[in-house]
Amino acid sequence: ALNSLLVATISTAGALLVSVLAAYAFSRLSFRGSRALFVALLSAL
């Protein structure tokens, strides 16, 4: 249970931080190739 809690907590907090930063870049910043990069990212799904 301690292993699961440790992994789940770090995974959740880390993924939220990375996702917030990346989502802000794709939503608010305009840079060359952003649309193509976002489509490539979605293709990973």
All heavy atoms as atom14 arrays in JSON, in Angstrom:
{
  "sequence": "ALNSLLVATISTAGALLVSVLAAYAFSRLSFRGSRALFVALLSAL",
  "atom14_mask": [
    [1, 1, 1, 1, 1, 0, 0, 0, 0, 0, 0, 0, 0, 0],
    [1, 1, 1, 1, 1, 1, 1, 1, 0, 0, 0, 0, 0, 0],
    [1, 1, 1, 1, 1, 1, 1, 1, 0, 0, 0, 0, 0, 0],
    [1, 1, 1, 1, 1, 1, 0, 0, 0, 0, 0, 0, 0, 0],
    [1, 1, 1, 1, 1, 1, 1, 1, 0, 0, 0, 0, 0, 0],
    [1, 1, 1, 1, 1, 1, 1, 1, 0, 0, 0, 0, 0, 0],
    [1, 1, 1, 1, 1, 1, 1, 0, 0, 0, 0, 0, 0, 0],
    [1, 1, 1, 1, 1, 0, 0, 0, 0, 0, 0, 0, 0, 0],
    [1, 1, 1, 1, 1, 1, 1, 0, 0, 0, 0, 0, 0, 0],
    [1, 1, 1, 1, 1, 1, 1, 1, 0, 0, 0, 0, 0, 0],
    [1, 1, 1, 1, 1, 1, 0, 0, 0, 0, 0, 0, 0, 0],
    [1, 1, 1, 1, 1, 1, 1, 0, 0, 0, 0, 0, 0, 0],
    [1, 1, 1, 1, 1, 0, 0, 0, 0, 0, 0, 0, 0, 0],
    [1, 1, 1, 1, 0, 0, 0, 0, 0, 0, 0, 0, 0, 0],
    [1, 1, 1, 1, 1, 0, 0, 0, 0, 0, 0, 0, 0, 0],
    [1, 1, 1, 1, 1, 1, 1, 1, 0, 0, 0, 0, 0, 0],
    [1, 1, 1, 1, 1, 1, 1, 1, 0, 0, 0, 0, 0, 0],
    [1, 1, 1, 1, 1, 1, 1, 0, 0, 0, 0, 0, 0, 0],
    [1, 1, 1, 1, 1, 1, 0, 0, 0, 0, 0, 0, 0, 0],
    [1, 1, 1, 1, 1, 1, 1, 0, 0, 0, 0, 0, 0, 0],
    [1, 1, 1, 1, 1, 1, 1, 1, 0, 0, 0, 0, 0, 0],
    [1, 1, 1, 1, 1, 0, 0, 0, 0, 0, 0, 0, 0, 0],
    [1, 1, 1, 1, 1, 0, 0, 0, 0, 0, 0, 0, 0, 0],
    [1, 1, 1, 1, 1, 1, 1, 1, 1, 1, 1, 1, 0, 0],
    [1, 1, 1, 1, 1, 0, 0, 0, 0, 0, 0, 0, 0, 0],
    [1, 1, 1, 1, 1, 1, 1, 1, 1, 1, 1, 0, 0, 0],
    [1, 1, 1, 1, 1, 1, 0, 0, 0, 0, 0, 0, 0, 0],
    [1, 1, 1, 1, 1, 1, 1, 1, 1, 1, 1, 0, 0, 0],
    [1, 1, 1, 1, 1, 1, 1, 1, 0, 0, 0, 0, 0, 0],
    [1, 1, 1, 1, 1, 1, 0, 0, 0, 0, 0, 0, 0, 0],
    [1, 1, 1, 1, 1, 1, 1, 1, 1, 1, 1, 0, 0, 0],
    [1, 1, 1, 1, 1, 1, 1, 1, 1, 1, 1, 0, 0, 0],
    [1, 1, 1, 1, 0, 0, 0, 0, 0, 0, 0, 0, 0, 0],
    [1, 1, 1, 1, 1, 1, 0, 0, 0, 0, 0, 0, 0, 0],
    [1, 1, 1, 1, 1, 1, 1, 1, 1, 1, 1, 0, 0, 0],
    [1, 1, 1, 1, 1, 0, 0, 0, 0, 0, 0, 0, 0, 0],
    [1, 1, 1, 1, 1, 1, 1, 1, 0, 0, 0, 0, 0, 0],
    [1, 1, 1, 1, 1, 1, 1, 1, 1, 1, 1, 0, 0, 0],
    [1, 1, 1, 1, 1, 1, 1, 0, 0, 0, 0, 0, 0, 0],
    [1, 1, 1, 1, 1, 0, 0, 0, 0, 0, 0, 0, 0, 0],
    [1, 1, 1, 1, 1, 1, 1, 1, 0, 0, 0, 0, 0, 0],
    [1, 1, 1, 1, 1, 1, 1, 1, 0, 0, 0, 0, 0, 0],
    [1, 1, 1, 1, 1, 1, 0, 0, 0, 0, 0, 0, 0, 0],
    [1, 1, 1, 1, 1, 0, 0, 0, 0, 0, 0, 0, 0, 0],
    [1, 1, 1, 1, 1, 1, 1, 1, 0, 0, 0, 0, 0, 0]
  ],
  "atom14_positions": [
    [[0.83, -1.2, 0.0], [0.0, 0.0, 0.0], [0.86, 1.25, 0.0], [0.55, 2.23, -0.69], [-0.94, 0.0, 1.21], [0.0, 0.0, 0.0], [0.0, 0.0, 0.0], [0.0, 0.0, 0.0], [0.0, 0.0, 0.0], [0.0, 0.0, 0.0], [0.0, 0.0, 0.0], [0.0, 0.0, 0.0], [0.0, 0.0, 0.0], [0.0, 0.0, 0.0]],
    [[1.96, 1.22, 0.75], [2.86, 2.37, 0.77], [3.5, 2.58, -0.6], [3.62, 3.72, -1.07], [3.95, 2.16, 1.83], [4.97, 3.29, 1.99], [4.27, 4.57, 2.42], [6.04, 2.89, 3.01], [0.0, 0.0, 0.0], [0.0, 0.0, 0.0], [0.0, 0.0, 0.0], [0.0, 0.0, 0.0], [0.0, 0.0, 0.0], [0.0, 0.0, 0.0]],
    [[3.91, 1.48, -1.26], [4.47, 1.6, -2.61], [3.44, 2.17, -3.58], [3.76, 3.07, -4.39], [4.94, 0.23, -3.1], [6.13, -0.3, -2.33], [6.86, 0.47, -1.7], [6.32, -1.6, -2.35], [0.0, 0.0, 0.0], [0.0, 0.0, 0.0], [0.0, 0.0, 0.0], [0.0, 0.0, 0.0], [0.0, 0.0, 0.0], [0.0, 0.0, 0.0]],
    [[2.22, 1.67, -3.52], [1.17, 2.17, -4.42], [0.87, 3.63, -4.16], [0.71, 4.43, -5.1], [-0.11, 1.34, -4.25], [0.07, 0.02, -4.72], [0.0, 0.0, 0.0], [0.0, 0.0, 0.0], [0.0, 0.0, 0.0], [0.0, 0.0, 0.0], [0.0, 0.0, 0.0], [0.0, 0.0, 0.0], [0.0, 0.0, 0.0], [0.0, 0.0, 0.0]],
    [[0.79, 4.01, -2.89], [0.5, 5.4, -2.55], [1.62, 6.32, -3.0], [1.36, 7.41, -3.54], [0.29, 5.52, -1.04], [-0.06, 6.92, -0.51], [-1.38, 7.39, -1.11], [-0.13, 6.92, 1.01], [0.0, 0.0, 0.0], [0.0, 0.0, 0.0], [0.0, 0.0, 0.0], [0.0, 0.0, 0.0], [0.0, 0.0, 0.0], [0.0, 0.0, 0.0]],
    [[2.86, 5.89, -2.83], [4.0, 6.71, -3.24], [4.0, 6.9, -4.75], [4.14, 8.03, -5.25], [5.3, 6.05, -2.77], [6.6, 6.8, -3.11], [6.63, 8.14, -2.39], [7.81, 5.95, -2.73], [0.0, 0.0, 0.0], [0.0, 0.0, 0.0], [0.0, 0.0, 0.0], [0.0, 0.0, 0.0], [0.0, 0.0, 0.0], [0.0, 0.0, 0.0]],
    [[3.84, 5.81, -5.49], [3.86, 5.89, -6.95], [2.67, 6.71, -7.46], [2.82, 7.56, -8.35], [3.86, 4.47, -7.56], [3.67, 4.54, -9.07], [5.15, 3.75, -7.22], [0.0, 0.0, 0.0], [0.0, 0.0, 0.0], [0.0, 0.0, 0.0], [0.0, 0.0, 0.0], [0.0, 0.0, 0.0], [0.0, 0.0, 0.0], [0.0, 0.0, 0.0]],
    [[1.48, 6.47, -6.91], [0.29, 7.18, -7.38], [0.37, 8.67, -7.07], [-0.01, 9.51, -7.91], [-0.97, 6.59, -6.73], [0.0, 0.0, 0.0], [0.0, 0.0, 0.0], [0.0, 0.0, 0.0], [0.0, 0.0, 0.0], [0.0, 0.0, 0.0], [0.0, 0.0, 0.0], [0.0, 0.0, 0.0], [0.0, 0.0, 0.0], [0.0, 0.0, 0.0]],
    [[0.9, 9.03, -5.91], [1.01, 10.45, -5.54], [2.01, 11.17, -6.43], [1.73, 12.26, -6.96], [1.42, 10.59, -4.07], [0.46, 9.93, -3.24], [1.52, 12.04, -3.67], [0.0, 0.0, 0.0], [0.0, 0.0, 0.0], [0.0, 0.0, 0.0], [0.0, 0.0, 0.0], [0.0, 0.0, 0.0], [0.0, 0.0, 0.0], [0.0, 0.0, 0.0]],
    [[3.19, 10.58, -6.62], [4.2, 11.21, -7.48], [3.72, 11.28, -8.92], [3.9, 12.3, -9.6], [5.54, 10.46, -7.38], [6.08, 10.54, -5.95], [6.55, 11.03, -8.36], [7.37, 9.76, -5.74], [0.0, 0.0, 0.0], [0.0, 0.0, 0.0], [0.0, 0.0, 0.0], [0.0, 0.0, 0.0], [0.0, 0.0, 0.0], [0.0, 0.0, 0.0]],
    [[3.1, 10.21, -9.41], [2.6, 10.2, -10.78], [1.55, 11.26, -11.0], [1.57, 11.99, -12.0], [2.03, 8.81, -11.12], [3.02, 7.81, -11.03], [0.0, 0.0, 0.0], [0.0, 0.0, 0.0], [0.0, 0.0, 0.0], [0.0, 0.0, 0.0], [0.0, 0.0, 0.0], [0.0, 0.0, 0.0], [0.0, 0.0, 0.0], [0.0, 0.0, 0.0]],
    [[0.62, 11.38, -10.06], [-0.47, 12.35, -10.2], [0.06, 13.78, -10.13], [-0.26, 14.61, -10.99], [-1.52, 12.13, -9.1], [-2.02, 10.79, -9.18], [-2.67, 13.1, -9.26], [0.0, 0.0, 0.0], [0.0, 0.0, 0.0], [0.0, 0.0, 0.0], [0.0, 0.0, 0.0], [0.0, 0.0, 0.0], [0.0, 0.0, 0.0], [0.0, 0.0, 0.0]],
    [[0.87, 14.08, -9.12], [1.4, 15.43, -8.98], [2.31, 15.81, -10.15], [2.22, 16.91, -10.69], [2.15, 15.57, -7.65], [0.0, 0.0, 0.0], [0.0, 0.0, 0.0], [0.0, 0.0, 0.0], [0.0, 0.0, 0.0], [0.0, 0.0, 0.0], [0.0, 0.0, 0.0], [0.0, 0.0, 0.0], [0.0, 0.0, 0.0], [0.0, 0.0, 0.0]],
    [[3.18, 14.89, -10.54], [4.08, 15.18, -11.65], [3.37, 15.35, -12.97], [3.67, 16.27, -13.75], [0.0, 0.0, 0.0], [0.0, 0.0, 0.0], [0.0, 0.0, 0.0], [0.0, 0.0, 0.0], [0.0, 0.0, 0.0], [0.0, 0.0, 0.0], [0.0, 0.0, 0.0], [0.0, 0.0, 0.0], [0.0, 0.0, 0.0], [0.0, 0.0, 0.0]],
    [[2.4, 14.47, -13.24], [1.65, 14.58, -14.49], [0.82, 15.86, -14.53], [0.68, 16.48, -15.59], [0.76, 13.35, -14.67], [0.0, 0.0, 0.0], [0.0, 0.0, 0.0], [0.0, 0.0, 0.0], [0.0, 0.0, 0.0], [0.0, 0.0, 0.0], [0.0, 0.0, 0.0], [0.0, 0.0, 0.0], [0.0, 0.0, 0.0], [0.0, 0.0, 0.0]],
    [[0.26, 16.26, -13.39], [-0.51, 17.51, -13.35], [0.4, 18.71, -13.65], [0.02, 19.6, -14.43], [-1.16, 17.69, -11.99], [-2.43, 16.88, -11.71], [-2.9, 17.12, -10.29], [-3.53, 17.24, -12.7], [0.0, 0.0, 0.0], [0.0, 0.0, 0.0], [0.0, 0.0, 0.0], [0.0, 0.0, 0.0], [0.0, 0.0, 0.0], [0.0, 0.0, 0.0]],
    [[1.59, 18.74, -13.06], [2.49, 19.87, -13.29], [2.92, 19.94, -14.75], [2.86, 21.01, -15.38], [3.72, 19.73, -12.38], [4.79, 20.81, -12.54], [4.23, 22.19, -12.24], [5.99, 20.51, -11.65], [0.0, 0.0, 0.0], [0.0, 0.0, 0.0], [0.0, 0.0, 0.0], [0.0, 0.0, 0.0], [0.0, 0.0, 0.0], [0.0, 0.0, 0.0]],
    [[3.34, 18.81, -15.31], [3.78, 18.8, -16.71], [2.62, 19.13, -17.64], [2.77, 19.89, -18.6], [4.39, 17.43, -17.06], [4.7, 17.33, -18.55], [5.66, 17.18, -16.25], [0.0, 0.0, 0.0], [0.0, 0.0, 0.0], [0.0, 0.0, 0.0], [0.0, 0.0, 0.0], [0.0, 0.0, 0.0], [0.0, 0.0, 0.0], [0.0, 0.0, 0.0]],
    [[1.44, 18.6, -17.35], [0.29, 18.83, -18.21], [-0.17, 20.28, -18.17], [-0.57, 20.84, -19.19], [-0.86, 17.91, -17.8], [-0.49, 16.55, -17.9], [0.0, 0.0, 0.0], [0.0, 0.0, 0.0], [0.0, 0.0, 0.0], [0.0, 0.0, 0.0], [0.0, 0.0, 0.0], [0.0, 0.0, 0.0], [0.0, 0.0, 0.0], [0.0, 0.0, 0.0]],
    [[-0.11, 20.91, -16.99], [-0.49, 22.31, -16.87], [0.44, 23.18, -17.71], [-0.01, 24.08, -18.44], [-0.47, 22.74, -15.38], [-0.42, 24.25, -15.26], [-1.7, 22.21, -14.66], [0.0, 0.0, 0.0], [0.0, 0.0, 0.0], [0.0, 0.0, 0.0], [0.0, 0.0, 0.0], [0.0, 0.0, 0.0], [0.0, 0.0, 0.0], [0.0, 0.0, 0.0]],
    [[1.73, 22.93, -17.63], [2.7, 23.73, -18.4], [2.51, 23.51, -19.9], [2.51, 24.47, -20.68], [4.12, 23.36, -17.98], [4.5, 23.7, -16.53], [5.87, 23.12, -16.19], [4.51, 25.21, -16.32], [0.0, 0.0, 0.0], [0.0, 0.0, 0.0], [0.0, 0.0, 0.0], [0.0, 0.0, 0.0], [0.0, 0.0, 0.0], [0.0, 0.0, 0.0]],
    [[2.36, 22.24, -20.3], [2.2, 21.95, -21.73], [0.87, 22.49, -22.26], [0.81, 23.03, -23.37], [2.29, 20.44, -21.96], [0.0, 0.0, 0.0], [0.0, 0.0, 0.0], [0.0, 0.0, 0.0], [0.0, 0.0, 0.0], [0.0, 0.0, 0.0], [0.0, 0.0, 0.0], [0.0, 0.0, 0.0], [0.0, 0.0, 0.0], [0.0, 0.0, 0.0]],
    [[-0.19, 22.36, -21.47], [-1.49, 22.85, -21.91], [-1.48, 24.37, -22.07], [-2.1, 24.92, -22.99], [-2.57, 22.43, -20.91], [0.0, 0.0, 0.0], [0.0, 0.0, 0.0], [0.0, 0.0, 0.0], [0.0, 0.0, 0.0], [0.0, 0.0, 0.0], [0.0, 0.0, 0.0], [0.0, 0.0, 0.0], [0.0, 0.0, 0.0], [0.0, 0.0, 0.0]],
    [[-0.79, 25.05, -21.18], [-0.68, 26.51, -21.31], [0.06, 26.89, -22.58], [-0.33, 27.84, -23.28], [0.04, 27.09, -20.1], [0.22, 28.59, -20.16], [-0.81, 29.45, -19.78], [1.41, 29.16, -20.62], [-0.66, 30.83, -19.85], [1.57, 30.53, -20.69], [0.55, 31.36, -20.31], [0.7, 32.73, -20.39], [0.0, 0.0, 0.0], [0.0, 0.0, 0.0]],
    [[1.11, 26.16, -22.9], [1.86, 26.45, -24.12], [1.0, 26.27, -25.36], [1.01, 27.11, -26.27], [3.1, 25.56, -24.19], [0.0, 0.0, 0.0], [0.0, 0.0, 0.0], [0.0, 0.0, 0.0], [0.0, 0.0, 0.0], [0.0, 0.0, 0.0], [0.0, 0.0, 0.0], [0.0, 0.0, 0.0], [0.0, 0.0, 0.0], [0.0, 0.0, 0.0]],
    [[0.24, 25.19, -25.41], [-0.59, 24.94, -26.59], [-1.81, 25.84, -26.64], [-2.35, 26.11, -27.72], [-1.04, 23.47, -26.61], [0.04, 22.51, -27.01], [0.48, 21.54, -26.13], [0.63, 22.58, -28.26], [1.48, 20.65, -26.49], [1.63, 21.69, -28.64], [2.06, 20.73, -27.74], [0.0, 0.0, 0.0], [0.0, 0.0, 0.0], [0.0, 0.0, 0.0]],
    [[-2.27, 26.31, -25.5], [-3.47, 27.14, -25.46], [-3.19, 28.62, -25.61], [-3.96, 29.34, -26.25], [-4.22, 26.9, -24.15], [-5.34, 27.74, -24.02], [0.0, 0.0, 0.0], [0.0, 0.0, 0.0], [0.0, 0.0, 0.0], [0.0, 0.0, 0.0], [0.0, 0.0, 0.0], [0.0, 0.0, 0.0], [0.0, 0.0, 0.0], [0.0, 0.0, 0.0]],
    [[-2.08, 29.1, -25.04], [-1.85, 30.54, -24.97], [-0.66, 31.05, -25.77], [-0.6, 32.22, -26.1], [-1.66, 30.95, -23.5], [-2.92, 30.84, -22.64], [-4.04, 31.7, -23.21], [-5.06, 32.04, -22.25], [-6.23, 31.42, -22.14], [-6.49, 30.39, -22.92], [-7.13, 31.83, -21.26], [0.0, 0.0, 0.0], [0.0, 0.0, 0.0], [0.0, 0.0, 0.0]],
    [[0.29, 30.19, -26.08], [1.5, 30.64, -26.77], [1.4, 30.33, -28.26], [0.93, 29.26, -28.65], [2.74, 29.98, -26.18], [2.98, 30.19, -24.69], [4.28, 29.52, -24.26], [2.99, 31.67, -24.34], [0.0, 0.0, 0.0], [0.0, 0.0, 0.0], [0.0, 0.0, 0.0], [0.0, 0.0, 0.0], [0.0, 0.0, 0.0], [0.0, 0.0, 0.0]],
    [[1.85, 31.24, -29.06], [1.88, 31.06, -30.51], [3.33, 30.88, -30.95], [4.14, 31.79, -30.81], [1.26, 32.28, -31.23], [-0.1, 32.44, -30.86], [0.0, 0.0, 0.0], [0.0, 0.0, 0.0], [0.0, 0.0, 0.0], [0.0, 0.0, 0.0], [0.0, 0.0, 0.0], [0.0, 0.0, 0.0], [0.0, 0.0, 0.0], [0.0, 0.0, 0.0]],
    [[3.65, 29.7, -31.44], [5.0, 29.44, -31.93], [4.91, 28.55, -33.16], [3.92, 27.85, -33.38], [5.86, 28.78, -30.84], [5.28, 27.51, -30.25], [5.59, 26.27, -30.78], [4.41, 27.58, -29.17], [5.06, 25.12, -30.23], [3.87, 26.43, -28.62], [4.2, 25.2, -29.15], [0.0, 0.0, 0.0], [0.0, 0.0, 0.0], [0.0, 0.0, 0.0]],
    [[5.94, 28.58, -33.97], [5.94, 27.87, -35.24], [5.86, 26.36, -34.99], [6.62, 25.8, -34.2], [7.21, 28.19, -36.03], [7.3, 27.5, -37.39], [8.53, 27.94, -38.15], [8.5, 29.38, -38.4], [9.48, 30.03, -39.04], [10.55, 29.37, -39.46], [9.38, 31.33, -39.23], [0.0, 0.0, 0.0], [0.0, 0.0, 0.0], [0.0, 0.0, 0.0]],
    [[4.94, 25.73, -35.69], [4.79, 24.28, -35.59], [3.97, 23.8, -34.41], [3.91, 22.6, -34.15], [0.0, 0.0, 0.0], [0.0, 0.0, 0.0], [0.0, 0.0, 0.0], [0.0, 0.0, 0.0], [0.0, 0.0, 0.0], [0.0, 0.0, 0.0], [0.0, 0.0, 0.0], [0.0, 0.0, 0.0], [0.0, 0.0, 0.0], [0.0, 0.0, 0.0]],
    [[3.33, 24.73, -33.7], [2.57, 24.32, -32.51], [1.41, 23.41, -32.88], [1.13, 22.42, -32.19], [2.07, 25.55, -31.76], [1.2, 26.32, -32.58], [0.0, 0.0, 0.0], [0.0, 0.0, 0.0], [0.0, 0.0, 0.0], [0.0, 0.0, 0.0], [0.0, 0.0, 0.0], [0.0, 0.0, 0.0], [0.0, 0.0, 0.0], [0.0, 0.0, 0.0]],
    [[0.72, 23.74, -33.97], [-0.43, 22.93, -34.37], [0.0, 21.53, -34.8], [-0.61, 20.53, -34.41], [-1.18, 23.62, -35.51], [-2.53, 22.99, -35.84], [-3.29, 23.79, -36.89], [-4.63, 23.29, -37.07], [-5.68, 23.63, -36.34], [-5.52, 24.5, -35.35], [-6.87, 23.13, -36.57], [0.0, 0.0, 0.0], [0.0, 0.0, 0.0], [0.0, 0.0, 0.0]],
    [[1.08, 21.47, -35.59], [1.57, 20.16, -36.03], [2.07, 19.34, -34.84], [1.85, 18.13, -34.76], [2.69, 20.34, -37.05], [0.0, 0.0, 0.0], [0.0, 0.0, 0.0], [0.0, 0.0, 0.0], [0.0, 0.0, 0.0], [0.0, 0.0, 0.0], [0.0, 0.0, 0.0], [0.0, 0.0, 0.0], [0.0, 0.0, 0.0], [0.0, 0.0, 0.0]],
    [[2.72, 20.0, -33.89], [3.21, 19.3, -32.7], [2.05, 18.79, -31.86], [2.11, 17.67, -31.32], [4.08, 20.25, -31.88], [4.7, 19.67, -30.6], [5.59, 18.49, -30.93], [5.49, 20.75, -29.86], [0.0, 0.0, 0.0], [0.0, 0.0, 0.0], [0.0, 0.0, 0.0], [0.0, 0.0, 0.0], [0.0, 0.0, 0.0], [0.0, 0.0, 0.0]],
    [[0.98, 19.57, -31.76], [-0.18, 19.14, -30.98], [-0.86, 17.95, -31.64], [-1.28, 17.0, -30.95], [-1.15, 20.3, -30.82], [-2.31, 20.0, -29.93], [-2.14, 19.81, -28.58], [-3.6, 19.92, -30.44], [-3.21, 19.54, -27.74], [-4.68, 19.64, -29.61], [-4.48, 19.45, -28.26], [0.0, 0.0, 0.0], [0.0, 0.0, 0.0], [0.0, 0.0, 0.0]],
    [[-0.97, 17.97, -32.97], [-1.55, 16.84, -33.69], [-0.7, 15.59, -33.5], [-1.22, 14.48, -33.29], [-1.72, 17.17, -35.18], [-2.15, 15.93, -35.97], [-2.74, 18.29, -35.37], [0.0, 0.0, 0.0], [0.0, 0.0, 0.0], [0.0, 0.0, 0.0], [0.0, 0.0, 0.0], [0.0, 0.0, 0.0], [0.0, 0.0, 0.0], [0.0, 0.0, 0.0]],
    [[0.61, 15.74, -33.58], [1.5, 14.6, -33.36], [1.36, 14.06, -31.94], [1.4, 12.84, -31.72], [2.95, 15.01, -33.63], [0.0, 0.0, 0.0], [0.0, 0.0, 0.0], [0.0, 0.0, 0.0], [0.0, 0.0, 0.0], [0.0, 0.0, 0.0], [0.0, 0.0, 0.0], [0.0, 0.0, 0.0], [0.0, 0.0, 0.0], [0.0, 0.0, 0.0]],
    [[1.18, 14.98, -30.99], [1.0, 14.56, -29.61], [-0.3, 13.77, -29.45], [-0.34, 12.74, -28.77], [1.0, 15.78, -28.69], [1.08, 15.52, -27.19], [2.44, 14.94, -26.82], [0.84, 16.8, -26.41], [0.0, 0.0, 0.0], [0.0, 0.0, 0.0], [0.0, 0.0, 0.0], [0.0, 0.0, 0.0], [0.0, 0.0, 0.0], [0.0, 0.0, 0.0]],
    [[-1.36, 14.25, -30.08], [-2.64, 13.54, -29.99], [-2.58, 12.17, -30.66], [-3.28, 11.24, -30.24], [-3.75, 14.38, -30.63], [-4.21, 15.63, -29.87], [-5.32, 16.32, -30.63], [-4.65, 15.28, -28.46], [0.0, 0.0, 0.0], [0.0, 0.0, 0.0], [0.0, 0.0, 0.0], [0.0, 0.0, 0.0], [0.0, 0.0, 0.0], [0.0, 0.0, 0.0]],
    [[-1.77, 12.05, -31.69], [-1.66, 10.75, -32.37], [-1.11, 9.68, -31.45], [-1.33, 8.48, -31.66], [-0.78, 10.88, -33.61], [0.55, 11.21, -33.26], [0.0, 0.0, 0.0], [0.0, 0.0, 0.0], [0.0, 0.0, 0.0], [0.0, 0.0, 0.0], [0.0, 0.0, 0.0], [0.0, 0.0, 0.0], [0.0, 0.0, 0.0], [0.0, 0.0, 0.0]],
    [[-0.38, 10.1, -30.4], [0.14, 9.12, -29.45], [-0.97, 8.43, -28.68], [-0.77, 7.33, -28.14], [1.1, 9.8, -28.47], [0.0, 0.0, 0.0], [0.0, 0.0, 0.0], [0.0, 0.0, 0.0], [0.0, 0.0, 0.0], [0.0, 0.0, 0.0], [0.0, 0.0, 0.0], [0.0, 0.0, 0.0], [0.0, 0.0, 0.0], [0.0, 0.0, 0.0]],
    [[-2.16, 9.05, -28.62], [-3.28, 8.4, -27.94], [-3.73, 7.14, -28.66], [-4.36, 6.27, -28.05], [-4.46, 9.39, -27.83], [-4.31, 10.54, -26.84], [-5.49, 11.5, -26.97], [-4.19, 10.02, -25.42], [0.0, 0.0, 0.0], [0.0, 0.0, 0.0], [0.0, 0.0, 0.0], [0.0, 0.0, 0.0], [0.0, 0.0, 0.0], [0.0, 0.0, 0.0]]
  ]
}
